[in-house]
PDB file of N, CA and C in Angstrom:
ATOM      1  N   UNK A   1     -13.687 -27.555 -75.556  1.00  0.00           N
ATOM      2  CA  UNK A   1     -12.666 -28.368 -74.962  1.00  0.00           C
ATOM      3  C   UNK A   1     -12.972 -28.319 -73.293  1.00  0.00           C
ATOM      4  N   UNK A   2     -12.974 -29.475 -72.811  1.00  0.00           N
ATOM      5  CA  UNK A   2     -13.068 -29.437 -71.428  1.00  0.00           C
ATOM      6  C   UNK A   2     -11.786 -29.163 -70.701  1.00  0.00           C
ATOM      7  N   UNK A   3     -11.740 -28.718 -69.514  1.00  0.00           N
ATOM      8  CA  UNK A   3     -10.607 -28.292 -68.705  1.00  0.00           C
ATOM      9  C   UNK A   3     -10.135 -29.312 -67.893  1.00  0.00           C
ATOM     10  N   UNK A   4      -9.005 -29.599 -67.571  1.00  0.00           N
ATOM     11  CA  UNK A   4      -8.450 -30.654 -66.742  1.00  0.00           C
ATOM     12  C   UNK A   4      -8.650 -30.473 -65.359  1.00  0.00           C
ATOM     13  N   UNK A   5      -9.280 -31.516 -64.767  1.00  0.00           N
ATOM     14  CA  UNK A   5      -9.726 -31.311 -63.171  1.00  0.00           C
ATOM     15  C   UNK A   5      -8.561 -30.715 -62.374  1.00  0.00           C
ATOM     16  N   UNK A   6      -7.360 -31.029 -62.615  1.00  0.00           N
ATOM     17  CA  UNK A   6      -6.260 -30.514 -61.704  1.00  0.00           C
ATOM     18  C   UNK A   6      -6.112 -29.061 -61.802  1.00  0.00           C
ATOM     19  N   UNK A   7      -6.256 -28.477 -63.195  1.00  0.00           N
ATOM     20  CA  UNK A   7      -6.138 -26.923 -63.258  1.00  0.00           C
ATOM     21  C   UNK A   7      -7.370 -26.432 -62.637  1.00  0.00           C
ATOM     22  N   UNK A   8      -8.601 -26.853 -62.802  1.00  0.00           N
ATOM     23  CA  UNK A   8      -9.772 -26.546 -62.285  1.00  0.00           C
ATOM     24  C   UNK A   8      -9.474 -26.272 -60.801  1.00  0.00           C
ATOM     25  N   UNK A   9      -8.990 -27.401 -60.081  1.00  0.00           N
ATOM     26  CA  UNK A   9      -8.915 -27.365 -58.563  1.00  0.00           C
ATOM     27  C   UNK A   9      -7.864 -26.297 -58.206  1.00  0.00           C
ATOM     28  N   UNK A  10      -6.755 -26.378 -58.901  1.00  0.00           N
ATOM     29  CA  UNK A  10      -5.755 -25.465 -58.559  1.00  0.00           C
ATOM     30  C   UNK A  10      -6.144 -23.955 -58.815  1.00  0.00           C
ATOM     31  N   UNK A  11      -6.788 -23.570 -59.815  1.00  0.00           N
ATOM     32  CA  UNK A  11      -7.337 -22.119 -60.108  1.00  0.00           C
ATOM     33  C   UNK A  11      -8.371 -21.875 -59.039  1.00  0.00           C
ATOM     34  N   UNK A  12      -9.093 -22.855 -58.719  1.00  0.00           N
ATOM     35  CA  UNK A  12     -10.347 -22.349 -57.515  1.00  0.00           C
ATOM     36  C   UNK A  12      -9.392 -22.177 -56.336  1.00  0.00           C
ATOM     37  N   UNK A  13      -8.482 -23.013 -56.096  1.00  0.00           N
ATOM     38  CA  UNK A  13      -7.765 -22.720 -54.927  1.00  0.00           C
ATOM     39  C   UNK A  13      -6.955 -21.404 -54.643  1.00  0.00           C
ATOM     40  N   UNK A  14      -6.295 -21.144 -55.792  1.00  0.00           N
ATOM     41  CA  UNK A  14      -5.667 -19.923 -56.085  1.00  0.00           C
ATOM     42  C   UNK A  14      -6.519 -18.710 -55.577  1.00  0.00           C
ATOM     43  N   UNK A  15      -7.751 -18.680 -56.392  1.00  0.00           N
ATOM     44  CA  UNK A  15      -8.742 -17.786 -56.123  1.00  0.00           C
ATOM     45  C   UNK A  15      -9.219 -17.630 -54.810  1.00  0.00           C
ATOM     46  N   UNK A  16      -9.485 -18.802 -54.010  1.00  0.00           N
ATOM     47  CA  UNK A  16     -10.127 -18.919 -52.817  1.00  0.00           C
ATOM     48  C   UNK A  16      -9.132 -18.209 -51.783  1.00  0.00           C
ATOM     49  N   UNK A  17      -7.745 -18.559 -51.860  1.00  0.00           N
ATOM     50  CA  UNK A  17      -6.675 -18.008 -50.858  1.00  0.00           C
ATOM     51  C   UNK A  17      -6.496 -16.485 -51.186  1.00  0.00           C
ATOM     52  N   UNK A  18      -6.429 -16.213 -52.449  1.00  0.00           N
ATOM     53  CA  UNK A  18      -6.458 -14.608 -52.915  1.00  0.00           C
ATOM     54  C   UNK A  18      -7.480 -13.771 -52.265  1.00  0.00           C
ATOM     55  N   UNK A  19      -8.618 -14.329 -52.418  1.00  0.00           N
ATOM     56  CA  UNK A  19      -9.764 -13.536 -51.906  1.00  0.00           C
ATOM     57  C   UNK A  19      -9.739 -13.461 -50.405  1.00  0.00           C
ATOM     58  N   UNK A  20      -9.371 -14.637 -49.783  1.00  0.00           N
ATOM     59  CA  UNK A  20      -9.482 -14.659 -48.397  1.00  0.00           C
ATOM     60  C   UNK A  20      -8.459 -13.787 -47.645  1.00  0.00           C
ATOM     61  N   UNK A  21      -7.475 -13.442 -48.609  1.00  0.00           N
ATOM     62  CA  UNK A  21      -6.393 -12.470 -48.004  1.00  0.00           C
ATOM     63  C   UNK A  21      -6.555 -10.961 -48.562  1.00  0.00           C
ATOM     64  N   UNK A  22      -7.746 -10.859 -49.162  1.00  0.00           N
ATOM     65  CA  UNK A  22      -8.135  -9.571 -49.667  1.00  0.00           C
ATOM     66  C   UNK A  22      -6.937  -8.966 -50.759  1.00  0.00           C
ATOM     67  N   UNK A  23      -6.576  -9.911 -51.772  1.00  0.00           N
ATOM     68  CA  UNK A  23      -5.615  -9.541 -52.696  1.00  0.00           C
ATOM     69  C   UNK A  23      -6.266  -9.456 -53.999  1.00  0.00           C
ATOM     70  N   UNK A  24      -6.060  -8.334 -54.793  1.00  0.00           N
ATOM     71  CA  UNK A  24      -6.400  -8.290 -56.084  1.00  0.00           C
ATOM     72  C   UNK A  24      -5.654  -9.339 -56.960  1.00  0.00           C
ATOM     73  N   UNK A  25      -6.075  -9.615 -58.144  1.00  0.00           N
ATOM     74  CA  UNK A  25      -5.161 -10.354 -59.114  1.00  0.00           C
ATOM     75  C   UNK A  25      -3.933  -9.755 -59.459  1.00  0.00           C
ATOM     76  N   UNK A  26      -3.979  -8.381 -59.601  1.00  0.00           N
ATOM     77  CA  UNK A  26      -2.847  -7.656 -59.857  1.00  0.00           C
ATOM     78  C   UNK A  26      -1.903  -7.754 -58.568  1.00  0.00           C
ATOM     79  N   UNK A  27      -2.326  -7.549 -57.403  1.00  0.00           N
ATOM     80  CA  UNK A  27      -1.407  -7.617 -56.325  1.00  0.00           C
ATOM     81  C   UNK A  27      -0.798  -8.895 -56.168  1.00  0.00           C
ATOM     82  N   UNK A  28      -1.523  -9.971 -56.244  1.00  0.00           N
ATOM     83  CA  UNK A  28      -0.918 -11.284 -56.156  1.00  0.00           C
ATOM     84  C   UNK A  28       0.036 -11.513 -57.231  1.00  0.00           C
ATOM     85  N   UNK A  29      -0.166 -11.110 -58.504  1.00  0.00           N
ATOM     86  CA  UNK A  29       0.805 -11.242 -59.614  1.00  0.00           C
ATOM     87  C   UNK A  29       2.160 -10.432 -59.176  1.00  0.00           C
ATOM     88  N   UNK A  30       1.910  -9.194 -58.657  1.00  0.00           N
ATOM     89  CA  UNK A  30       3.071  -8.463 -58.194  1.00  0.00           C
ATOM     90  C   UNK A  30       3.862  -9.251 -57.142  1.00  0.00           C
ATOM     91  N   UNK A  31       3.101  -9.730 -56.147  1.00  0.00           N
ATOM     92  CA  UNK A  31       3.926 -10.362 -54.960  1.00  0.00           C
ATOM     93  C   UNK A  31       4.678 -11.748 -55.641  1.00  0.00           C
ATOM     94  N   UNK A  32       3.964 -12.385 -56.657  1.00  0.00           N
ATOM     95  CA  UNK A  32       4.603 -13.626 -57.082  1.00  0.00           C
ATOM     96  C   UNK A  32       5.520 -13.363 -58.113  1.00  0.00           C
ATOM     97  N   UNK A  33       5.601 -12.122 -58.641  1.00  0.00           N
ATOM     98  CA  UNK A  33       6.594 -11.936 -59.807  1.00  0.00           C
ATOM     99  C   UNK A  33       6.071 -12.340 -61.124  1.00  0.00           C
ATOM    100  N   UNK A  34       4.831 -12.403 -61.387  1.00  0.00           N
ATOM    101  CA  UNK A  34       4.259 -12.838 -62.717  1.00  0.00           C
ATOM    102  C   UNK A  34       3.450 -11.828 -63.211  1.00  0.00           C
ATOM    103  N   UNK A  35       3.049 -11.969 -64.530  1.00  0.00           N
ATOM    104  CA  UNK A  35       2.244 -11.016 -65.218  1.00  0.00           C
ATOM    105  C   UNK A  35       0.846 -11.107 -64.556  1.00  0.00           C
ATOM    106  N   UNK A  36       0.195  -9.779 -64.598  1.00  0.00           N
ATOM    107  CA  UNK A  36      -1.164  -9.595 -63.967  1.00  0.00           C
ATOM    108  C   UNK A  36      -2.240 -10.594 -64.534  1.00  0.00           C
ATOM    109  N   UNK A  37      -2.007 -10.636 -65.979  1.00  0.00           N
ATOM    110  CA  UNK A  37      -3.110 -11.448 -66.699  1.00  0.00           C
ATOM    111  C   UNK A  37      -2.939 -13.090 -66.391  1.00  0.00           C
ATOM    112  N   UNK A  38      -1.666 -13.419 -65.946  1.00  0.00           N
ATOM    113  CA  UNK A  38      -1.420 -14.795 -65.728  1.00  0.00           C
ATOM    114  C   UNK A  38      -2.191 -15.382 -64.527  1.00  0.00           C
ATOM    115  N   UNK A  39      -2.458 -14.406 -63.536  1.00  0.00           N
ATOM    116  CA  UNK A  39      -3.296 -14.967 -62.464  1.00  0.00           C
ATOM    117  C   UNK A  39      -4.707 -15.218 -62.825  1.00  0.00           C
ATOM    118  N   UNK A  40      -5.310 -14.495 -63.658  1.00  0.00           N
ATOM    119  CA  UNK A  40      -6.598 -14.677 -64.029  1.00  0.00           C
ATOM    120  C   UNK A  40      -6.715 -15.894 -64.943  1.00  0.00           C
ATOM    121  N   UNK A  41      -5.677 -16.043 -65.795  1.00  0.00           N
ATOM    122  CA  UNK A  41      -5.623 -17.359 -66.555  1.00  0.00           C
ATOM    123  C   UNK A  41      -5.594 -18.538 -65.773  1.00  0.00           C
ATOM    124  N   UNK A  42      -4.889 -18.607 -64.765  1.00  0.00           N
ATOM    125  CA  UNK A  42      -4.645 -19.707 -63.865  1.00  0.00           C
ATOM    126  C   UNK A  42      -6.038 -19.897 -63.011  1.00  0.00           C
ATOM    127  N   UNK A  43      -6.716 -18.863 -62.552  1.00  0.00           N
ATOM    128  CA  UNK A  43      -7.876 -18.844 -61.904  1.00  0.00           C
ATOM    129  C   UNK A  43      -8.994 -19.438 -62.808  1.00  0.00           C
ATOM    130  N   UNK A  44      -8.934 -19.192 -64.037  1.00  0.00           N
ATOM    131  CA  UNK A  44      -9.924 -19.672 -65.028  1.00  0.00           C
ATOM    132  C   UNK A  44      -9.510 -21.198 -65.598  1.00  0.00           C
ATOM    133  N   UNK A  45      -8.482 -21.706 -65.234  1.00  0.00           N
ATOM    134  CA  UNK A  45      -7.939 -22.914 -65.580  1.00  0.00           C
ATOM    135  C   UNK A  45      -7.535 -22.990 -67.097  1.00  0.00           C
ATOM    136  N   UNK A  46      -6.952 -21.906 -67.598  1.00  0.00           N
ATOM    137  CA  UNK A  46      -6.569 -21.690 -69.021  1.00  0.00           C
ATOM    138  C   UNK A  46      -5.103 -21.925 -69.116  1.00  0.00           C
ATOM    139  N   UNK A  47      -4.311 -21.916 -68.088  1.00  0.00           N
ATOM    140  CA  UNK A  47      -2.969 -22.132 -68.143  1.00  0.00           C
ATOM    141  C   UNK A  47      -2.478 -23.405 -67.438  1.00  0.00           C
ATOM    142  N   UNK A  48      -1.701 -24.154 -68.005  1.00  0.00           N
ATOM    143  CA  UNK A  48      -0.963 -25.345 -67.336  1.00  0.00           C
ATOM    144  C   UNK A  48       0.262 -24.747 -66.629  1.00  0.00           C
ATOM    145  N   UNK A  49       0.104 -24.428 -65.629  1.00  0.00           N
ATOM    146  CA  UNK A  49       1.224 -23.804 -64.727  1.00  0.00           C
ATOM    147  C   UNK A  49       2.502 -24.579 -64.450  1.00  0.00           C
ATOM    148  N   UNK A  50       3.598 -23.997 -64.287  1.00  0.00           N
ATOM    149  CA  UNK A  50       4.855 -24.788 -64.118  1.00  0.00           C
ATOM    150  C   UNK A  50       5.135 -24.709 -62.673  1.00  0.00           C
ATOM    151  N   UNK A  51       5.941 -25.825 -62.242  1.00  0.00           N
ATOM    152  CA  UNK A  51       6.125 -25.968 -60.885  1.00  0.00           C
ATOM    153  C   UNK A  51       6.929 -24.685 -60.252  1.00  0.00           C
ATOM    154  N   UNK A  52       7.644 -24.045 -60.994  1.00  0.00           N
ATOM    155  CA  UNK A  52       8.383 -22.901 -60.478  1.00  0.00           C
ATOM    156  C   UNK A  52       7.301 -21.807 -60.144  1.00  0.00           C
ATOM    157  N   UNK A  53       6.368 -21.555 -61.028  1.00  0.00           N
ATOM    158  CA  UNK A  53       5.284 -20.476 -60.840  1.00  0.00           C
ATOM    159  C   UNK A  53       4.388 -21.003 -59.711  1.00  0.00           C
ATOM    160  N   UNK A  54       4.183 -22.334 -59.474  1.00  0.00           N
ATOM    161  CA  UNK A  54       3.363 -22.891 -58.459  1.00  0.00           C
ATOM    162  C   UNK A  54       3.915 -22.368 -57.212  1.00  0.00           C
ATOM    163  N   UNK A  55       5.261 -22.658 -57.081  1.00  0.00           N
ATOM    164  CA  UNK A  55       6.003 -22.241 -55.859  1.00  0.00           C
ATOM    165  C   UNK A  55       5.905 -20.691 -55.566  1.00  0.00           C
ATOM    166  N   UNK A  56       6.145 -19.857 -56.635  1.00  0.00           N
ATOM    167  CA  UNK A  56       6.132 -18.484 -56.590  1.00  0.00           C
ATOM    168  C   UNK A  56       4.600 -18.061 -55.925  1.00  0.00           C
ATOM    169  N   UNK A  57       3.509 -18.570 -56.550  1.00  0.00           N
ATOM    170  CA  UNK A  57       2.277 -18.159 -56.023  1.00  0.00           C
ATOM    171  C   UNK A  57       2.114 -18.703 -54.625  1.00  0.00           C
ATOM    172  N   UNK A  58       2.335 -19.903 -54.211  1.00  0.00           N
ATOM    173  CA  UNK A  58       2.229 -20.250 -52.929  1.00  0.00           C
ATOM    174  C   UNK A  58       3.040 -19.420 -51.895  1.00  0.00           C
ATOM    175  N   UNK A  59       4.187 -19.061 -52.195  1.00  0.00           N
ATOM    176  CA  UNK A  59       4.920 -18.170 -51.366  1.00  0.00           C
ATOM    177  C   UNK A  59       4.317 -16.776 -51.176  1.00  0.00           C
ATOM    178  N   UNK A  60       3.758 -16.348 -52.314  1.00  0.00           N
ATOM    179  CA  UNK A  60       3.173 -15.020 -52.313  1.00  0.00           C
ATOM    180  C   UNK A  60       1.884 -14.941 -51.524  1.00  0.00           C
ATOM    181  N   UNK A  61       1.167 -16.325 -51.429  1.00  0.00           N
ATOM    182  CA  UNK A  61       0.052 -16.366 -50.506  1.00  0.00           C
ATOM    183  C   UNK A  61       0.407 -16.836 -49.255  1.00  0.00           C
ATOM    184  N   UNK A  62       1.692 -17.010 -48.819  1.00  0.00           N
ATOM    185  CA  UNK A  62       2.034 -17.417 -47.597  1.00  0.00           C
ATOM    186  C   UNK A  62       1.450 -18.893 -47.300  1.00  0.00           C
ATOM    187  N   UNK A  63       1.395 -19.817 -48.074  1.00  0.00           N
ATOM    188  CA  UNK A  63       0.832 -21.053 -47.892  1.00  0.00           C
ATOM    189  C   UNK A  63       1.745 -22.153 -48.387  1.00  0.00           C
ATOM    190  N   UNK A  64       1.501 -23.374 -48.017  1.00  0.00           N
ATOM    191  CA  UNK A  64       2.190 -24.535 -48.542  1.00  0.00           C
ATOM    192  C   UNK A  64       1.759 -24.883 -49.906  1.00  0.00           C
ATOM    193  N   UNK A  65       2.607 -25.329 -50.775  1.00  0.00           N
ATOM    194  CA  UNK A  65       2.175 -25.760 -52.197  1.00  0.00           C
ATOM    195  C   UNK A  65       0.901 -26.821 -52.098  1.00  0.00           C
ATOM    196  N   UNK A  66       1.026 -27.794 -51.181  1.00  0.00           N
ATOM    197  CA  UNK A  66       0.014 -28.742 -51.072  1.00  0.00           C
ATOM    198  C   UNK A  66      -1.400 -28.165 -50.850  1.00  0.00           C
ATOM    199  N   UNK A  67      -1.404 -27.009 -50.393  1.00  0.00           N
ATOM    200  CA  UNK A  67      -2.731 -26.347 -49.927  1.00  0.00           C
ATOM    201  C   UNK A  67      -3.558 -25.965 -51.292  1.00  0.00           C
ATOM    202  N   UNK A  68      -2.574 -25.665 -52.385  1.00  0.00           N
ATOM    203  CA  UNK A  68      -3.177 -25.333 -53.562  1.00  0.00           C
ATOM    204  C   UNK A  68      -3.767 -26.513 -54.509  1.00  0.00           C
ATOM    205  N   UNK A  69      -3.327 -27.767 -53.973  1.00  0.00           N
ATOM    206  CA  UNK A  69      -3.651 -28.954 -54.688  1.00  0.00           C
ATOM    207  C   UNK A  69      -4.694 -29.883 -53.976  1.00  0.00           C
ATOM    208  N   UNK A  70      -5.297 -29.301 -52.870  1.00  0.00           N
ATOM    209  CA  UNK A  70      -6.175 -30.239 -52.034  1.00  0.00           C
ATOM    210  C   UNK A  70      -7.570 -29.811 -52.181  1.00  0.00           C
TER     211      UNK A  70
END
C-alpha cells in the first residue's frame, strides 16, 4: 500500500526539525507528551496524526504548525 503524500511530507519535516535540534525520537516524544514509538511511526508515515498531536509536536519543536506542512 502506498503512503499518502501529506503523511510522507509531514513525517519528513518532523524528522528534519527533530534532527536539526539534535533531539532523539524519545526526547521529542517526551517534550510533546506522546509515546516514544509514535514519533517513529509519524516519521515513517505510518500514522495519520490528529490535529491535537500536530500542535503538540510543533510546540515541542518550537515551530509553527505550517512549517511541518510545507
